[in-house]
Protein backbone atom coordinates (compact mmCIF):
# COMPACT_ATOMS: atom_id res chain seq x y z
CA MET A 1 -26.97 -27.03 4.76
CA SER A 2 -25.96 -29.51 7.42
CA ALA A 3 -24.02 -28.47 10.52
CA GLY A 4 -20.80 -30.04 9.26
CA SER A 5 -20.84 -28.67 5.72
CA VAL A 6 -18.85 -25.67 4.60
CA ALA A 7 -20.25 -22.97 2.34
CA PRO A 8 -18.50 -22.92 -1.05
CA GLN A 9 -16.21 -19.99 -1.78
CA LEU A 10 -17.65 -17.77 -4.47
CA ALA A 11 -15.60 -15.75 -6.90
CA PRO A 12 -15.61 -12.03 -6.05
CA THR A 13 -18.19 -10.03 -7.93
CA GLY A 14 -18.91 -6.35 -8.40
CA ALA A 15 -16.44 -3.97 -6.77
CA ALA A 16 -14.36 -6.77 -5.22
CA ALA A 17 -13.72 -8.29 -8.65
CA SER A 18 -12.43 -5.01 -10.06
CA GLU A 19 -10.16 -4.17 -7.12
CA ARG A 20 -6.51 -3.86 -8.09
CA TRP A 21 -3.32 -2.51 -6.53
CA TYR A 22 -2.18 1.04 -7.26
CA ALA A 23 0.75 3.17 -6.09
CA VAL A 24 -0.12 6.30 -4.13
CA TRP A 25 2.44 9.12 -4.17
CA THR A 26 2.73 10.76 -0.74
CA ARG A 27 4.30 13.92 0.58
CA SER A 28 7.81 13.49 1.94
CA GLN A 29 7.95 11.49 5.19
CA CYS A 30 4.13 11.10 5.23
CA GLU A 31 3.89 7.40 4.38
CA PRO A 32 2.70 6.27 7.86
CA LYS A 33 0.24 9.16 8.06
CA VAL A 34 -1.23 8.25 4.65
CA GLU A 35 -1.35 4.56 5.59
CA GLU A 36 -3.33 5.34 8.73
CA GLY A 37 -5.62 7.82 6.97
CA LEU A 38 -6.49 5.38 4.20
CA ARG A 39 -7.10 2.55 6.70
CA CYS A 40 -9.49 4.84 8.61
CA ARG A 41 -11.37 5.29 5.33
CA ARG A 42 -11.63 1.48 5.04
CA PHE A 43 -9.12 0.97 2.22
CA GLU A 44 -6.68 -1.93 2.01
CA VAL A 45 -3.20 -0.40 2.26
CA PHE A 46 0.29 -1.91 2.17
CA LEU A 47 3.35 0.05 3.29
CA PRO A 48 6.41 -2.21 2.96
CA ARG A 49 9.05 -1.43 5.58
CA VAL A 50 12.62 -2.60 6.06
CA SER A 51 14.78 -2.47 9.17
CA VAL A 52 17.66 -0.03 8.90
CA SER A 53 20.42 0.56 11.44
CA SER A 54 20.73 4.14 12.56
CA ARG A 55 23.56 5.55 14.62
CA ARG A 56 22.78 8.31 17.09
CA ARG A 57 25.29 10.10 19.29
CA ASP A 58 25.62 7.47 21.98
CA ARG A 59 23.54 4.56 20.72
CA ARG A 60 22.46 2.53 17.73
CA LEU A 61 18.82 2.12 16.77
CA VAL A 62 17.04 -0.13 14.34
CA LEU A 63 14.37 1.84 12.49
CA ALA A 64 11.57 0.62 10.24
CA ARG A 65 11.83 2.71 7.08
CA PRO A 66 9.63 2.53 3.97
CA LEU A 67 11.07 0.30 1.25
CA PHE A 68 9.78 2.77 -1.35
CA PRO A 69 10.05 6.26 0.18
CA GLY A 70 7.17 8.48 -0.92
CA TYR A 71 4.80 5.66 -1.90
CA VAL A 72 2.21 3.31 -0.40
CA PHE A 73 0.27 0.58 -2.17
CA LEU A 74 -3.53 0.81 -2.25
CA ARG A 75 -6.04 -1.85 -3.31
CA PHE A 76 -9.35 -0.49 -4.50
CA ALA A 77 -11.82 -0.44 -7.37
CA PRO A 78 -11.25 2.83 -9.24
CA SER A 79 -14.20 5.18 -9.37
CA ARG A 80 -14.52 8.93 -9.34
CA GLU A 81 -15.80 8.87 -5.74
CA GLY A 82 -13.06 6.47 -4.61
CA TYR A 83 -10.38 8.56 -6.26
CA ILE A 84 -11.65 11.69 -4.50
CA ARG A 85 -11.70 9.86 -1.13
CA VAL A 86 -8.09 8.77 -1.63
CA ALA A 87 -6.83 12.07 -3.04
CA SER A 88 -8.44 14.04 -0.20
CA THR A 89 -6.57 12.00 2.43
CA ASP A 90 -4.04 14.15 4.26
CA GLY A 91 -0.53 13.56 2.89
CA VAL A 92 -1.59 12.12 -0.48
CA VAL A 93 -0.19 13.84 -3.58
CA ARG A 94 -1.95 11.60 -6.12
CA ILE A 95 -2.54 8.06 -7.33
CA ILE A 96 -0.10 7.16 -10.09
CA GLY A 97 -1.81 7.39 -13.48
CA GLU A 98 -3.03 9.84 -16.09
CA ARG A 99 -6.36 10.73 -14.43
CA TRP A 100 -8.95 9.09 -12.16
CA ASP A 101 -10.22 6.78 -14.92
CA ALA A 102 -6.77 5.94 -16.34
CA LEU A 103 -4.74 4.79 -13.34
CA TYR A 104 -1.72 2.47 -13.67
CA PRO A 105 -2.44 -0.81 -11.84
CA ILE A 106 0.28 -2.92 -10.26
CA PRO A 107 -0.01 -6.69 -10.85
CA ASP A 108 -0.98 -8.68 -7.75
CA GLU A 109 2.05 -10.91 -8.28
CA GLN A 110 4.43 -7.96 -7.89
CA VAL A 111 2.81 -6.80 -4.65
CA GLU A 112 2.94 -10.37 -3.31
CA ALA A 113 6.64 -10.57 -4.26
CA VAL A 114 7.29 -7.39 -2.25
CA ARG A 115 5.33 -8.88 0.68
CA ARG A 116 7.52 -11.99 0.57
CA LEU A 117 10.69 -9.90 0.33
CA VAL A 118 9.72 -7.80 3.35
CA ALA A 119 8.55 -10.83 5.35
CA GLY A 120 11.93 -12.50 4.72
CA GLY A 121 13.64 -9.59 6.43
CA SER A 122 16.49 -9.44 3.93
CA GLY A 123 15.16 -6.63 1.79
CA PRO A 124 17.44 -4.07 0.18
CA PRO A 125 17.97 -0.74 1.94
CA PRO A 126 15.61 2.08 0.93
CA ARG A 127 16.78 4.09 -2.04
CA ASP A 128 16.99 7.85 -2.22
CA VAL A 129 14.91 9.04 -5.14
CA GLY A 130 16.09 12.30 -6.39
């Protein structure tokens, strides 16, 4: 290869090719803790946040709250070992699906749409699930 040439981009193979997005159910108010724990374990994590005004006694604050309370998005290639690494992270309840080999993937386009929504700053307020 000459000094000015660029190496061609190869299509992902192996584990990278089978990586997909999944929703991880977290304990209440543990989304940031789960996000940090999964990042420490070298997973790609996405926790969409929206700015919400909060009124305290004598002041107003703008807080970053999760867009989907109780959930974070995780990109990984499902395997028994990977599932155990995720499920053993402090604050994780489970990955959404039937069992470790029958998880419900989220299409990349939907995660990208949420990224665009959050980046635009005009996202809807978080909903109370209950």
